[in-house]
Amino acid sequence: MSFAPLPSVAADQVPADALVLDVREDDEWRAGHVEGALHVPMSDFVARFGEVTEAVADGRRAFVMCRVGGRSAQVTQYLVQQGIDAVNVDGGMLAWEGAGRAVVTDDGSPAFVL
């Protein structure tokens, strides 16, 4: 049995209006995240799966992100198995920040990748 390669994209190739799904934990999110991203921590993912299906109900692609790409790869694989158009963001938030993409916080404090 062969498995298709995991769909993935470089951080600098994520469209500006994309649905970014951040699966990092709360402390990582608070430190800094993509503006407008949907935050569903991997630890809560199964319980909050409905939020994800609702966000992609219009057929949007989900760009799944964590810190470096490991957790998001697992979530991307799960979403693809559920028939959802999802891609893993290679290198995660570190690559996003490294590509010069904006990182924000909810309270306006300086953002960083934890």
N, C-alpha and C. Protein backbone atom coordinates (compact mmCIF):
# COMPACT_ATOMS: atom_id res chain seq x y z
N MET A 1 0.85 -1.17 0.00
CA MET A 1 0.00 0.00 0.00
C MET A 1 0.89 1.24 0.00
N SER A 2 0.60 2.17 -0.89
CA SER A 2 1.39 3.39 -0.94
C SER A 2 0.54 4.58 -0.51
N PHE A 3 1.19 5.53 0.10
CA PHE A 3 0.51 6.73 0.56
C PHE A 3 0.94 7.91 -0.30
N ALA A 4 -0.01 8.76 -0.62
CA ALA A 4 0.31 9.97 -1.38
C ALA A 4 1.15 10.88 -0.49
N PRO A 5 2.07 11.62 -1.09
CA PRO A 5 2.85 12.56 -0.28
C PRO A 5 1.94 13.61 0.35
N LEU A 6 2.33 14.07 1.51
CA LEU A 6 1.54 15.06 2.22
C LEU A 6 1.57 16.38 1.46
N PRO A 7 0.40 16.95 1.14
CA PRO A 7 0.42 18.24 0.46
C PRO A 7 1.03 19.31 1.37
N SER A 8 1.98 20.06 0.83
CA SER A 8 2.63 21.09 1.64
C SER A 8 2.97 22.28 0.77
N VAL A 9 3.23 23.40 1.44
CA VAL A 9 3.52 24.66 0.77
C VAL A 9 4.52 25.44 1.62
N ALA A 10 5.37 26.22 0.97
CA ALA A 10 6.31 27.07 1.69
C ALA A 10 5.55 28.24 2.31
N ALA A 11 6.05 28.73 3.44
CA ALA A 11 5.39 29.82 4.16
C ALA A 11 5.21 31.05 3.29
N ASP A 12 6.17 31.33 2.42
CA ASP A 12 6.07 32.54 1.60
C ASP A 12 5.10 32.36 0.43
N GLN A 13 4.55 31.16 0.26
CA GLN A 13 3.59 30.89 -0.81
C GLN A 13 2.14 30.85 -0.33
N VAL A 14 1.92 31.05 0.98
CA VAL A 14 0.55 31.05 1.51
C VAL A 14 -0.12 32.35 1.09
N PRO A 15 -1.28 32.29 0.42
CA PRO A 15 -1.96 33.52 0.00
C PRO A 15 -2.32 34.41 1.19
N ALA A 16 -2.32 35.71 0.96
CA ALA A 16 -2.60 36.68 2.03
C ALA A 16 -3.98 36.48 2.64
N ASP A 17 -4.95 36.03 1.84
CA ASP A 17 -6.32 35.87 2.33
C ASP A 17 -6.64 34.42 2.71
N ALA A 18 -5.60 33.61 2.89
CA ALA A 18 -5.79 32.18 3.15
C ALA A 18 -6.38 31.93 4.53
N LEU A 19 -7.04 30.78 4.66
CA LEU A 19 -7.48 30.29 5.96
C LEU A 19 -6.29 29.56 6.58
N VAL A 20 -5.68 30.18 7.59
CA VAL A 20 -4.56 29.56 8.29
C VAL A 20 -5.12 28.91 9.55
N LEU A 21 -4.84 27.63 9.71
CA LEU A 21 -5.27 26.86 10.88
C LEU A 21 -4.04 26.62 11.75
N ASP A 22 -4.02 27.27 12.90
CA ASP A 22 -2.88 27.19 13.83
C ASP A 22 -3.20 26.14 14.88
N VAL A 23 -2.40 25.06 14.93
CA VAL A 23 -2.68 23.96 15.85
C VAL A 23 -1.74 23.95 17.06
N ARG A 24 -1.03 25.08 17.27
CA ARG A 24 -0.14 25.17 18.44
C ARG A 24 -0.96 25.37 19.72
N GLU A 25 -0.29 25.23 20.84
CA GLU A 25 -0.97 25.37 22.13
C GLU A 25 -1.17 26.85 22.49
N ASP A 26 -1.97 27.09 23.53
CA ASP A 26 -2.37 28.44 23.88
C ASP A 26 -1.20 29.38 24.16
N ASP A 27 -0.15 28.89 24.87
CA ASP A 27 0.98 29.77 25.19
C ASP A 27 1.72 30.18 23.91
N GLU A 28 1.81 29.27 22.96
CA GLU A 28 2.48 29.57 21.69
C GLU A 28 1.67 30.60 20.90
N TRP A 29 0.35 30.42 20.90
CA TRP A 29 -0.56 31.34 20.20
C TRP A 29 -0.44 32.75 20.79
N ARG A 30 -0.46 32.83 22.13
CA ARG A 30 -0.38 34.15 22.79
C ARG A 30 0.91 34.88 22.45
N ALA A 31 2.01 34.15 22.29
CA ALA A 31 3.30 34.77 22.00
C ALA A 31 3.30 35.43 20.63
N GLY A 32 2.63 34.83 19.67
CA GLY A 32 2.56 35.39 18.33
C GLY A 32 1.93 34.43 17.34
N HIS A 33 1.07 34.98 16.46
CA HIS A 33 0.37 34.14 15.49
C HIS A 33 0.08 34.93 14.23
N VAL A 34 -0.42 34.24 13.22
CA VAL A 34 -0.82 34.86 11.97
C VAL A 34 -2.14 35.59 12.19
N GLU A 35 -2.22 36.84 11.79
CA GLU A 35 -3.45 37.61 11.94
C GLU A 35 -4.60 36.93 11.18
N GLY A 36 -5.73 36.77 11.87
CA GLY A 36 -6.89 36.16 11.24
C GLY A 36 -6.90 34.64 11.24
N ALA A 37 -5.86 34.02 11.79
CA ALA A 37 -5.79 32.56 11.81
C ALA A 37 -6.87 31.97 12.72
N LEU A 38 -7.27 30.74 12.42
CA LEU A 38 -8.16 29.98 13.28
C LEU A 38 -7.28 29.16 14.21
N HIS A 39 -7.47 29.35 15.53
CA HIS A 39 -6.63 28.65 16.51
C HIS A 39 -7.40 27.47 17.10
N VAL A 40 -6.97 26.26 16.75
CA VAL A 40 -7.52 25.04 17.33
C VAL A 40 -6.33 24.18 17.74
N PRO A 41 -5.94 24.23 19.02
CA PRO A 41 -4.77 23.47 19.47
C PRO A 41 -4.91 21.98 19.17
N MET A 42 -3.78 21.37 18.81
CA MET A 42 -3.80 19.94 18.49
C MET A 42 -4.38 19.13 19.66
N SER A 43 -4.11 19.56 20.89
CA SER A 43 -4.61 18.83 22.06
C SER A 43 -6.14 18.87 22.17
N ASP A 44 -6.77 19.86 21.54
CA ASP A 44 -8.24 19.99 21.56
C ASP A 44 -8.86 19.66 20.21
N PHE A 45 -8.05 19.17 19.29
CA PHE A 45 -8.48 19.12 17.90
C PHE A 45 -9.72 18.27 17.66
N VAL A 46 -9.75 17.08 18.22
CA VAL A 46 -10.89 16.20 17.99
C VAL A 46 -12.16 16.83 18.57
N ALA A 47 -12.06 17.38 19.77
CA ALA A 47 -13.23 17.99 20.42
C ALA A 47 -13.73 19.21 19.66
N ARG A 48 -12.83 19.93 18.99
CA ARG A 48 -13.19 21.17 18.31
C ARG A 48 -13.19 21.03 16.78
N PHE A 49 -13.24 19.79 16.31
CA PHE A 49 -13.18 19.53 14.87
C PHE A 49 -14.30 20.25 14.11
N GLY A 50 -15.45 20.42 14.76
CA GLY A 50 -16.58 21.10 14.12
C GLY A 50 -16.23 22.52 13.69
N GLU A 51 -15.39 23.20 14.48
CA GLU A 51 -14.98 24.56 14.12
C GLU A 51 -14.19 24.55 12.81
N VAL A 52 -13.41 23.52 12.63
CA VAL A 52 -12.60 23.40 11.41
C VAL A 52 -13.50 23.11 10.21
N THR A 53 -14.40 22.14 10.36
CA THR A 53 -15.28 21.80 9.23
C THR A 53 -16.16 22.99 8.86
N GLU A 54 -16.57 23.77 9.85
CA GLU A 54 -17.37 24.97 9.58
C GLU A 54 -16.55 26.00 8.78
N ALA A 55 -15.29 26.16 9.15
CA ALA A 55 -14.42 27.14 8.49
C ALA A 55 -14.14 26.78 7.03
N VAL A 56 -14.14 25.49 6.72
CA VAL A 56 -13.84 25.06 5.35
C VAL A 56 -15.10 24.63 4.59
N ALA A 57 -16.27 24.91 5.17
CA ALA A 57 -17.53 24.47 4.55
C ALA A 57 -17.72 25.04 3.15
N ASP A 58 -17.14 26.21 2.89
CA ASP A 58 -17.29 26.84 1.58
C ASP A 58 -16.25 26.33 0.57
N GLY A 59 -15.53 25.27 0.95
CA GLY A 59 -14.56 24.68 0.04
C GLY A 59 -13.18 25.30 0.12
N ARG A 60 -12.97 26.18 1.11
CA ARG A 60 -11.66 26.81 1.26
C ARG A 60 -10.61 25.79 1.63
N ARG A 61 -9.39 26.06 1.18
CA ARG A 61 -8.24 25.23 1.56
C ARG A 61 -7.76 25.70 2.93
N ALA A 62 -7.44 24.76 3.79
CA ALA A 62 -6.87 25.08 5.10
C ALA A 62 -5.35 24.95 5.02
N PHE A 63 -4.65 26.01 5.40
CA PHE A 63 -3.19 26.01 5.48
C PHE A 63 -2.83 25.77 6.94
N VAL A 64 -2.35 24.56 7.25
CA VAL A 64 -2.18 24.13 8.64
C VAL A 64 -0.77 24.44 9.11
N MET A 65 -0.69 25.06 10.30
CA MET A 65 0.60 25.53 10.79
C MET A 65 0.79 25.22 12.27
N CYS A 66 2.05 24.89 12.62
CA CYS A 66 2.46 24.79 14.02
C CYS A 66 3.78 25.54 14.13
N ARG A 67 4.67 25.13 15.02
CA ARG A 67 5.93 25.87 15.18
C ARG A 67 6.92 25.57 14.06
N VAL A 68 7.14 24.27 13.79
CA VAL A 68 8.11 23.89 12.75
C VAL A 68 7.54 22.96 11.69
N GLY A 69 6.33 22.45 11.87
CA GLY A 69 5.71 21.63 10.83
C GLY A 69 5.39 20.20 11.20
N GLY A 70 5.76 19.73 12.39
CA GLY A 70 5.51 18.34 12.78
C GLY A 70 4.07 18.08 13.17
N ARG A 71 3.56 18.87 14.11
CA ARG A 71 2.17 18.69 14.54
C ARG A 71 1.21 19.00 13.40
N SER A 72 1.52 20.06 12.65
CA SER A 72 0.64 20.43 11.55
C SER A 72 0.61 19.36 10.48
N ALA A 73 1.71 18.65 10.27
CA ALA A 73 1.72 17.55 9.30
C ALA A 73 0.75 16.46 9.72
N GLN A 74 0.71 16.14 11.01
CA GLN A 74 -0.22 15.12 11.50
C GLN A 74 -1.66 15.56 11.30
N VAL A 75 -1.95 16.83 11.61
CA VAL A 75 -3.30 17.36 11.46
C VAL A 75 -3.69 17.43 9.98
N THR A 76 -2.75 17.85 9.13
CA THR A 76 -3.02 17.91 7.69
C THR A 76 -3.38 16.53 7.17
N GLN A 77 -2.61 15.52 7.58
CA GLN A 77 -2.88 14.15 7.15
C GLN A 77 -4.29 13.72 7.57
N TYR A 78 -4.67 14.04 8.80
CA TYR A 78 -6.00 13.71 9.30
C TYR A 78 -7.08 14.41 8.48
N LEU A 79 -6.90 15.71 8.22
CA LEU A 79 -7.89 16.48 7.47
C LEU A 79 -8.06 15.92 6.06
N VAL A 80 -6.94 15.61 5.41
CA VAL A 80 -6.99 15.07 4.05
C VAL A 80 -7.75 13.74 4.05
N GLN A 81 -7.52 12.91 5.08
CA GLN A 81 -8.23 11.64 5.20
C GLN A 81 -9.74 11.86 5.38
N GLN A 82 -10.12 13.03 5.92
CA GLN A 82 -11.54 13.36 6.10
C GLN A 82 -12.13 14.01 4.85
N GLY A 83 -11.31 14.13 3.81
CA GLY A 83 -11.79 14.71 2.57
C GLY A 83 -11.71 16.23 2.51
N ILE A 84 -10.95 16.83 3.44
CA ILE A 84 -10.81 18.28 3.49
C ILE A 84 -9.56 18.70 2.72
N ASP A 85 -9.68 19.78 1.97
CA ASP A 85 -8.55 20.34 1.22
C ASP A 85 -7.64 21.05 2.21
N ALA A 86 -6.55 20.38 2.57
CA ALA A 86 -5.64 20.94 3.57
C ALA A 86 -4.20 20.75 3.11
N VAL A 87 -3.36 21.72 3.43
CA VAL A 87 -1.94 21.64 3.13
C VAL A 87 -1.14 22.04 4.36
N ASN A 88 -0.01 21.39 4.53
CA ASN A 88 0.89 21.69 5.64
C ASN A 88 1.81 22.85 5.24
N VAL A 89 1.98 23.81 6.15
CA VAL A 89 2.91 24.91 5.89
C VAL A 89 4.30 24.46 6.35
N ASP A 90 5.18 24.21 5.37
CA ASP A 90 6.53 23.74 5.65
C ASP A 90 7.28 24.71 6.56
N GLY A 91 7.85 24.19 7.65
CA GLY A 91 8.64 25.02 8.54
C GLY A 91 7.83 25.80 9.55
N GLY A 92 6.51 25.77 9.43
CA GLY A 92 5.62 26.38 10.41
C GLY A 92 5.85 27.86 10.66
N MET A 93 5.58 28.26 11.90
CA MET A 93 5.69 29.67 12.28
C MET A 93 7.12 30.19 12.17
N LEU A 94 8.10 29.33 12.41
CA LEU A 94 9.49 29.78 12.29
C LEU A 94 9.79 30.18 10.85
N ALA A 95 9.31 29.39 9.89
CA ALA A 95 9.51 29.71 8.48
C ALA A 95 8.68 30.94 8.09
N TRP A 96 7.47 31.04 8.64
CA TRP A 96 6.60 32.19 8.37
C TRP A 96 7.30 33.49 8.78
N GLU A 97 7.79 33.50 10.02
CA GLU A 97 8.49 34.67 10.54
C GLU A 97 9.77 34.91 9.73
N GLY A 98 10.49 33.83 9.42
CA GLY A 98 11.73 33.93 8.66
C GLY A 98 11.53 34.48 7.26
N ALA A 99 10.31 34.28 6.70
CA ALA A 99 9.99 34.79 5.37
C ALA A 99 9.54 36.24 5.42
N GLY A 100 9.56 36.82 6.64
CA GLY A 100 9.17 38.22 6.78
C GLY A 100 7.67 38.44 6.83
N ARG A 101 6.90 37.35 7.04
CA ARG A 101 5.44 37.48 7.13
C ARG A 101 5.07 37.99 8.51
N ALA A 102 3.96 38.71 8.59
CA ALA A 102 3.54 39.36 9.84
C ALA A 102 3.15 38.35 10.90
N VAL A 103 3.55 38.64 12.13
CA VAL A 103 3.17 37.88 13.32
C VAL A 103 2.59 38.88 14.30
N VAL A 104 1.43 38.56 14.88
CA VAL A 104 0.72 39.50 15.75
C VAL A 104 0.38 38.83 17.10
N THR A 105 -0.05 39.67 18.05
CA THR A 105 -0.58 39.17 19.32
C THR A 105 -1.97 39.76 19.50
N ASP A 106 -2.77 39.14 20.35
CA ASP A 106 -4.12 39.64 20.62
C ASP A 106 -4.10 40.92 21.43
N ASP A 107 -3.07 41.10 22.26
CA ASP A 107 -3.06 42.26 23.15
C ASP A 107 -2.13 43.39 22.67
N GLY A 108 -1.55 43.24 21.49
CA GLY A 108 -0.73 44.30 20.95
C GLY A 108 0.72 44.30 21.42
N SER A 109 1.07 43.37 22.30
CA SER A 109 2.47 43.29 22.76
C SER A 109 3.35 42.77 21.61
N PRO A 110 4.66 42.96 21.71
CA PRO A 110 5.54 42.48 20.63
C PRO A 110 5.38 40.98 20.41
N ALA A 111 5.24 40.59 19.16
CA ALA A 111 5.01 39.17 18.83
C ALA A 111 6.32 38.46 18.57
N PHE A 112 6.34 37.18 18.94
CA PHE A 112 7.50 36.32 18.64
C PHE A 112 7.00 34.90 18.55
N VAL A 113 7.83 34.04 17.95
CA VAL A 113 7.47 32.63 17.84
C VAL A 113 8.06 31.89 19.02
N LEU A 114 7.19 31.28 19.81
CA LEU A 114 7.61 30.55 21.02
C LEU A 114 7.91 29.11 20.64
